[in-house]
PDB file of N, CA and C in Angstrom:
ATOM      1  N   MET A   1      54.217 178.321  56.468  1.00  0.00           N
ATOM      2  CA  MET A   1      55.326 177.294  56.108  1.00  0.00           C
ATOM      3  C   MET A   1      56.708 178.076  56.506  1.00  0.00           C
ATOM      4  N   THR A   2      57.471 177.612  57.455  1.00  0.00           N
ATOM      5  CA  THR A   2      58.971 178.069  57.503  1.00  0.00           C
ATOM      6  C   THR A   2      59.871 177.917  56.428  1.00  0.00           C
ATOM      7  N   GLN A   3      60.826 178.819  56.260  1.00  0.00           N
ATOM      8  CA  GLN A   3      61.861 178.823  55.154  1.00  0.00           C
ATOM      9  C   GLN A   3      62.848 177.879  55.838  1.00  0.00           C
ATOM     10  N   PRO A   4      63.595 176.993  54.823  1.00  0.00           N
ATOM     11  CA  PRO A   4      64.598 176.393  55.221  1.00  0.00           C
ATOM     12  C   PRO A   4      65.727 177.067  55.887  1.00  0.00           C
ATOM     13  N   ALA A   5      66.701 176.568  56.747  1.00  0.00           N
ATOM     14  CA  ALA A   5      67.531 177.209  57.329  1.00  0.00           C
ATOM     15  C   ALA A   5      68.947 177.340  56.746  1.00  0.00           C
ATOM     16  N   THR A   6      68.887 176.576  55.573  1.00  0.00           N
ATOM     17  CA  THR A   6      69.978 176.339  54.606  1.00  0.00           C
ATOM     18  C   THR A   6      69.633 176.122  53.221  1.00  0.00           C
ATOM     19  N   ARG A   7      70.414 176.574  52.263  1.00  0.00           N
ATOM     20  CA  ARG A   7      70.170 176.395  50.918  1.00  0.00           C
ATOM     21  C   ARG A   7      70.900 175.022  50.279  1.00  0.00           C
ATOM     22  N   GLN A   8      71.786 174.535  51.202  1.00  0.00           N
ATOM     23  CA  GLN A   8      72.594 173.460  50.790  1.00  0.00           C
ATOM     24  C   GLN A   8      71.671 172.311  50.163  1.00  0.00           C
ATOM     25  N   THR A   9      72.211 171.252  49.412  1.00  0.00           N
ATOM     26  CA  THR A   9      71.268 170.168  48.923  1.00  0.00           C
ATOM     27  C   THR A   9      71.460 169.126  50.148  1.00  0.00           C
ATOM     28  N   GLN A  10      72.672 169.003  50.725  1.00  0.00           N
ATOM     29  CA  GLN A  10      72.790 168.152  51.891  1.00  0.00           C
ATOM     30  C   GLN A  10      73.140 168.885  53.416  1.00  0.00           C
ATOM     31  N   PRO A  11      72.164 169.346  53.964  1.00  0.00           N
ATOM     32  CA  PRO A  11      72.388 170.178  54.926  1.00  0.00           C
ATOM     33  C   PRO A  11      73.147 169.362  56.318  1.00  0.00           C
ATOM     34  N   ASP A  12      73.809 169.953  56.885  1.00  0.00           N
ATOM     35  CA  ASP A  12      74.507 169.278  58.235  1.00  0.00           C
ATOM     36  C   ASP A  12      73.667 169.504  59.356  1.00  0.00           C
ATOM     37  N   THR A  13      72.705 168.501  59.677  1.00  0.00           N
ATOM     38  CA  THR A  13      71.470 168.697  60.542  1.00  0.00           C
ATOM     39  C   THR A  13      72.353 168.789  61.973  1.00  0.00           C
ATOM     40  N   ALA A  14      73.533 168.281  62.184  1.00  0.00           N
ATOM     41  CA  ALA A  14      74.112 168.361  63.474  1.00  0.00           C
ATOM     42  C   ALA A  14      74.464 169.803  63.850  1.00  0.00           C
ATOM     43  N   VAL A  15      75.021 170.459  62.828  1.00  0.00           N
ATOM     44  CA  VAL A  15      75.360 171.912  62.748  1.00  0.00           C
ATOM     45  C   VAL A  15      73.994 172.778  62.992  1.00  0.00           C
ATOM     46  N   LEU A  16      73.123 172.498  62.251  1.00  0.00           N
ATOM     47  CA  LEU A  16      71.776 173.405  62.313  1.00  0.00           C
ATOM     48  C   LEU A  16      71.069 172.932  63.635  1.00  0.00           C
ATOM     49  N   ARG A  17      71.232 171.925  64.277  1.00  0.00           N
ATOM     50  CA  ARG A  17      70.628 171.691  65.545  1.00  0.00           C
ATOM     51  C   ARG A  17      71.478 172.447  66.534  1.00  0.00           C
ATOM     52  N   ALA A  18      72.851 172.471  66.451  1.00  0.00           N
ATOM     53  CA  ALA A  18      73.374 173.205  67.347  1.00  0.00           C
ATOM     54  C   ALA A  18      73.327 174.862  67.415  1.00  0.00           C
ATOM     55  N   GLN A  19      73.185 175.165  66.295  1.00  0.00           N
ATOM     56  CA  GLN A  19      72.663 176.701  65.945  1.00  0.00           C
ATOM     57  C   GLN A  19      71.357 176.942  66.496  1.00  0.00           C
ATOM     58  N   LEU A  20      70.430 175.861  66.354  1.00  0.00           N
ATOM     59  CA  LEU A  20      69.132 176.230  66.890  1.00  0.00           C
ATOM     60  C   LEU A  20      68.988 176.153  68.400  1.00  0.00           C
ATOM     61  N   GLN A  21      69.846 175.162  68.943  1.00  0.00           N
ATOM     62  CA  GLN A  21      69.889 174.954  70.613  1.00  0.00           C
ATOM     63  C   GLN A  21      70.523 176.452  71.157  1.00  0.00           C
ATOM     64  N   ALA A  22      71.704 176.829  70.307  1.00  0.00           N
ATOM     65  CA  ALA A  22      72.140 178.247  70.821  1.00  0.00           C
ATOM     66  C   ALA A  22      71.156 179.213  70.797  1.00  0.00           C
ATOM     67  N   CYS A  23      70.316 179.262  69.611  1.00  0.00           N
ATOM     68  CA  CYS A  23      69.400 180.449  69.549  1.00  0.00           C
ATOM     69  C   CYS A  23      68.402 180.276  70.738  1.00  0.00           C
ATOM     70  N   VAL A  24      67.731 179.109  71.155  1.00  0.00           N
ATOM     71  CA  VAL A  24      67.056 178.841  72.228  1.00  0.00           C
ATOM     72  C   VAL A  24      67.470 179.465  73.322  1.00  0.00           C
ATOM     73  N   ALA A  25      68.723 178.964  73.539  1.00  0.00           N
ATOM     74  CA  ALA A  25      69.579 179.351  75.048  1.00  0.00           C
ATOM     75  C   ALA A  25      69.623 180.937  74.937  1.00  0.00           C
ATOM     76  N   ALA A  26      70.031 181.730  74.006  1.00  0.00           N
ATOM     77  CA  ALA A  26      70.150 183.041  73.824  1.00  0.00           C
ATOM     78  C   ALA A  26      68.894 184.028  74.031  1.00  0.00           C
ATOM     79  N   CYS A  27      67.705 183.327  73.245  1.00  0.00           N
ATOM     80  CA  CYS A  27      66.517 184.121  73.379  1.00  0.00           C
ATOM     81  C   CYS A  27      65.940 183.740  74.776  1.00  0.00           C
ATOM     82  N   LYS A  28      66.226 182.482  75.420  1.00  0.00           N
ATOM     83  CA  LYS A  28      65.558 182.426  76.761  1.00  0.00           C
ATOM     84  C   LYS A  28      66.371 183.402  77.651  1.00  0.00           C
ATOM     85  N   ALA A  29      67.676 183.483  77.610  1.00  0.00           N
ATOM     86  CA  ALA A  29      68.481 184.262  78.633  1.00  0.00           C
ATOM     87  C   ALA A  29      68.014 185.740  78.555  1.00  0.00           C
ATOM     88  N   CYS A  30      67.986 186.173  77.140  1.00  0.00           N
ATOM     89  CA  CYS A  30      67.539 187.656  76.862  1.00  0.00           C
ATOM     90  C   CYS A  30      66.140 187.714  77.587  1.00  0.00           C
ATOM     91  N   GLY A  31      65.126 186.967  77.192  1.00  0.00           N
ATOM     92  CA  GLY A  31      63.755 187.223  77.758  1.00  0.00           C
ATOM     93  C   GLY A  31      63.790 187.222  79.058  1.00  0.00           C
ATOM     94  N   ASP A  32      64.695 186.238  79.917  1.00  0.00           N
ATOM     95  CA  ASP A  32      64.639 186.332  81.424  1.00  0.00           C
ATOM     96  C   ASP A  32      65.108 187.450  81.803  1.00  0.00           C
ATOM     97  N   GLU A  33      66.157 188.056  81.213  1.00  0.00           N
ATOM     98  CA  GLU A  33      66.754 189.304  81.760  1.00  0.00           C
ATOM     99  C   GLU A  33      65.867 190.525  81.445  1.00  0.00           C
ATOM    100  N   CYS A  34      65.208 190.466  80.258  1.00  0.00           N
ATOM    101  CA  CYS A  34      64.342 191.595  80.023  1.00  0.00           C
ATOM    102  C   CYS A  34      63.147 191.699  80.917  1.00  0.00           C
ATOM    103  N   GLN A  35      62.687 190.342  81.190  1.00  0.00           N
ATOM    104  CA  GLN A  35      61.428 190.342  81.889  1.00  0.00           C
ATOM    105  C   GLN A  35      61.774 190.855  83.420  1.00  0.00           C
ATOM    106  N   GLY A  36      62.988 190.511  83.982  1.00  0.00           N
ATOM    107  CA  GLY A  36      63.360 190.908  85.068  1.00  0.00           C
ATOM    108  C   GLY A  36      63.501 192.522  85.169  1.00  0.00           C
ATOM    109  N   HIS A  37      63.998 193.016  84.205  1.00  0.00           N
ATOM    110  CA  HIS A  37      63.844 194.630  84.193  1.00  0.00           C
ATOM    111  C   HIS A  37      62.334 195.175  84.193  1.00  0.00           C
ATOM    112  N   ALA A  38      61.625 194.586  83.410  1.00  0.00           N
ATOM    113  CA  ALA A  38      60.378 194.804  83.259  1.00  0.00           C
ATOM    114  C   ALA A  38      59.570 194.961  84.437  1.00  0.00           C
ATOM    115  N   GLU A  39      59.635 193.811  85.441  1.00  0.00           N
ATOM    116  CA  GLU A  39      59.180 193.723  86.564  1.00  0.00           C
ATOM    117  C   GLU A  39      59.621 194.396  87.725  1.00  0.00           C
ATOM    118  N   LYS A  40      61.014 194.325  87.995  1.00  0.00           N
ATOM    119  CA  LYS A  40      61.410 194.970  89.042  1.00  0.00           C
ATOM    120  C   LYS A  40      61.702 196.387  88.935  1.00  0.00           C
ATOM    121  N   MET A  41      61.984 197.026  87.640  1.00  0.00           N
ATOM    122  CA  MET A  41      62.268 198.466  87.503  1.00  0.00           C
ATOM    123  C   MET A  41      60.981 198.970  86.679  1.00  0.00           C
ATOM    124  N   ASP A  42      59.898 198.166  86.370  1.00  0.00           N
ATOM    125  CA  ASP A  42      58.816 198.940  85.806  1.00  0.00           C
ATOM    126  C   ASP A  42      58.911 199.532  84.396  1.00  0.00           C
ATOM    127  N   MET A  43      60.020 198.652  83.631  1.00  0.00           N
ATOM    128  CA  MET A  43      60.204 199.212  82.434  1.00  0.00           C
ATOM    129  C   MET A  43      59.318 198.584  81.268  1.00  0.00           C
ATOM    130  N   ALA A  44      58.585 199.366  80.599  1.00  0.00           N
ATOM    131  CA  ALA A  44      57.570 199.007  79.652  1.00  0.00           C
ATOM    132  C   ALA A  44      58.315 198.312  78.434  1.00  0.00           C
ATOM    133  N   HIS A  45      59.388 199.227  78.062  1.00  0.00           N
ATOM    134  CA  HIS A  45      60.219 198.727  76.809  1.00  0.00           C
ATOM    135  C   HIS A  45      60.892 197.389  76.981  1.00  0.00           C
ATOM    136  N   CYS A  46      61.101 197.050  78.284  1.00  0.00           N
ATOM    137  CA  CYS A  46      61.734 195.829  78.688  1.00  0.00           C
ATOM    138  C   CYS A  46      60.614 194.658  78.479  1.00  0.00           C
ATOM    139  N   ALA A  47      59.426 194.783  78.786  1.00  0.00           N
ATOM    140  CA  ALA A  47      58.391 193.968  78.574  1.00  0.00           C
ATOM    141  C   ALA A  47      58.288 193.655  77.074  1.00  0.00           C
ATOM    142  N   VAL A  48      58.372 194.738  76.114  1.00  0.00           N
ATOM    143  CA  VAL A  48      58.287 194.490  74.865  1.00  0.00           C
ATOM    144  C   VAL A  48      59.258 193.545  74.357  1.00  0.00           C
ATOM    145  N   CYS A  49      60.584 193.863  74.767  1.00  0.00           N
ATOM    146  CA  CYS A  49      61.766 193.156  74.503  1.00  0.00           C
ATOM    147  C   CYS A  49      61.722 191.753  74.858  1.00  0.00           C
ATOM    148  N   ALA A  50      61.236 191.391  76.245  1.00  0.00           N
ATOM    149  CA  ALA A  50      60.985 190.073  76.703  1.00  0.00           C
ATOM    150  C   ALA A  50      59.895 189.294  75.741  1.00  0.00           C
ATOM    151  N   GLU A  51      58.986 189.928  75.417  1.00  0.00           N
ATOM    152  CA  GLU A  51      57.922 189.342  74.597  1.00  0.00           C
ATOM    153  C   GLU A  51      58.707 188.886  73.190  1.00  0.00           C
ATOM    154  N   SER A  52      59.315 189.714  72.569  1.00  0.00           N
ATOM    155  CA  SER A  52      60.106 189.434  71.415  1.00  0.00           C
ATOM    156  C   SER A  52      61.073 188.171  71.588  1.00  0.00           C
ATOM    157  N   CYS A  53      61.890 188.249  72.498  1.00  0.00           N
ATOM    158  CA  CYS A  53      62.717 187.088  72.913  1.00  0.00           C
ATOM    159  C   CYS A  53      61.939 185.721  73.049  1.00  0.00           C
ATOM    160  N   ARG A  54      60.886 185.815  73.807  1.00  0.00           N
ATOM    161  CA  ARG A  54      60.155 184.844  73.999  1.00  0.00           C
ATOM    162  C   ARG A  54      59.570 184.122  72.754  1.00  0.00           C
ATOM    163  N   ARG A  55      59.014 184.860  71.701  1.00  0.00           N
ATOM    164  CA  ARG A  55      58.731 184.550  70.243  1.00  0.00           C
ATOM    165  C   ARG A  55      59.869 184.022  69.658  1.00  0.00           C
ATOM    166  N   CYS A  56      60.932 184.610  69.707  1.00  0.00           N
ATOM    167  CA  CYS A  56      62.250 184.104  69.006  1.00  0.00           C
ATOM    168  C   CYS A  56      62.500 182.649  69.674  1.00  0.00           C
ATOM    169  N   GLU A  57      62.423 182.508  70.924  1.00  0.00           N
ATOM    170  CA  GLU A  57      62.737 181.180  71.529  1.00  0.00           C
ATOM    171  C   GLU A  57      61.840 180.056  71.033  1.00  0.00           C
ATOM    172  N   GLN A  58      60.546 180.588  70.924  1.00  0.00           N
ATOM    173  CA  GLN A  58      59.460 179.483  70.471  1.00  0.00           C
ATOM    174  C   GLN A  58      59.726 179.047  69.116  1.00  0.00           C
ATOM    175  N   THR A  59      60.048 180.205  68.367  1.00  0.00           N
ATOM    176  CA  THR A  59      60.257 179.755  66.900  1.00  0.00           C
ATOM    177  C   THR A  59      61.353 178.819  66.787  1.00  0.00           C
ATOM    178  N   CYS A  60      62.454 179.100  67.457  1.00  0.00           N
ATOM    179  CA  CYS A  60      63.724 178.179  67.163  1.00  0.00           C
ATOM    180  C   CYS A  60      63.535 176.803  67.718  1.00  0.00           C
ATOM    181  N   GLN A  61      62.585 176.861  68.904  1.00  0.00           N
ATOM    182  CA  GLN A  61      62.394 175.414  69.369  1.00  0.00           C
ATOM    183  C   GLN A  61      61.369 174.695  68.370  1.00  0.00           C
ATOM    184  N   GLN A  62      60.495 175.290  67.684  1.00  0.00           N
ATOM    185  CA  GLN A  62      59.718 174.725  66.662  1.00  0.00           C
ATOM    186  C   GLN A  62      60.701 174.120  65.534  1.00  0.00           C
ATOM    187  N   MET A  63      61.720 175.257  65.196  1.00  0.00           N
ATOM    188  CA  MET A  63      62.497 174.638  64.045  1.00  0.00           C
ATOM    189  C   MET A  63      63.287 173.468  64.367  1.00  0.00           C
ATOM    190  N   LEU A  64      63.717 173.490  65.757  1.00  0.00           N
ATOM    191  CA  LEU A  64      64.649 172.274  66.223  1.00  0.00           C
ATOM    192  C   LEU A  64      63.450 171.067  66.156  1.00  0.00           C
ATOM    193  N   ALA A  65      62.437 171.287  66.580  1.00  0.00           N
ATOM    194  CA  ALA A  65      61.566 170.092  66.570  1.00  0.00           C
ATOM    195  C   ALA A  65      61.300 169.641  65.240  1.00  0.00           C
ATOM    196  N   GLY A  66      61.148 170.430  64.231  1.00  0.00           N
ATOM    197  CA  GLY A  66      61.293 170.180  62.757  1.00  0.00           C
ATOM    198  C   GLY A  66      62.449 169.247  62.463  1.00  0.00           C
ATOM    199  N   LEU A  67      63.590 169.559  62.792  1.00  0.00           N
ATOM    200  CA  LEU A  67      64.778 168.801  62.432  1.00  0.00           C
ATOM    201  C   LEU A  67      64.574 167.374  62.826  1.00  0.00           C
ATOM    202  N   ALA A  68      63.919 167.164  63.953  1.00  0.00           N
ATOM    203  CA  ALA A  68      63.906 165.736  64.464  1.00  0.00           C
ATOM    204  C   ALA A  68      62.594 164.668  63.671  1.00  0.00           C
ATOM    205  N   ALA A  69      61.706 165.732  62.972  1.00  0.00           N
ATOM    206  CA  ALA A  69      60.889 165.009  62.359  1.00  0.00           C
ATOM    207  C   ALA A  69      61.230 164.340  60.852  1.00  0.00           C
TER     208      ALA A  69
END
């Protein structure tokens, strides 16, 4: 079970949605950049970073989908 993104009794879902959308975009950009380094420069630590960014992106997408439910 995921933890709530806020402890307010009346969360502002528009703000939460914008934050999660920004999280998805930032994690995707980071993952793409790190993946490029991993592939083009054979940097193993960048492959680890890319995987972490992909997991973060997926988590933010899942939380975003949960707001719509």
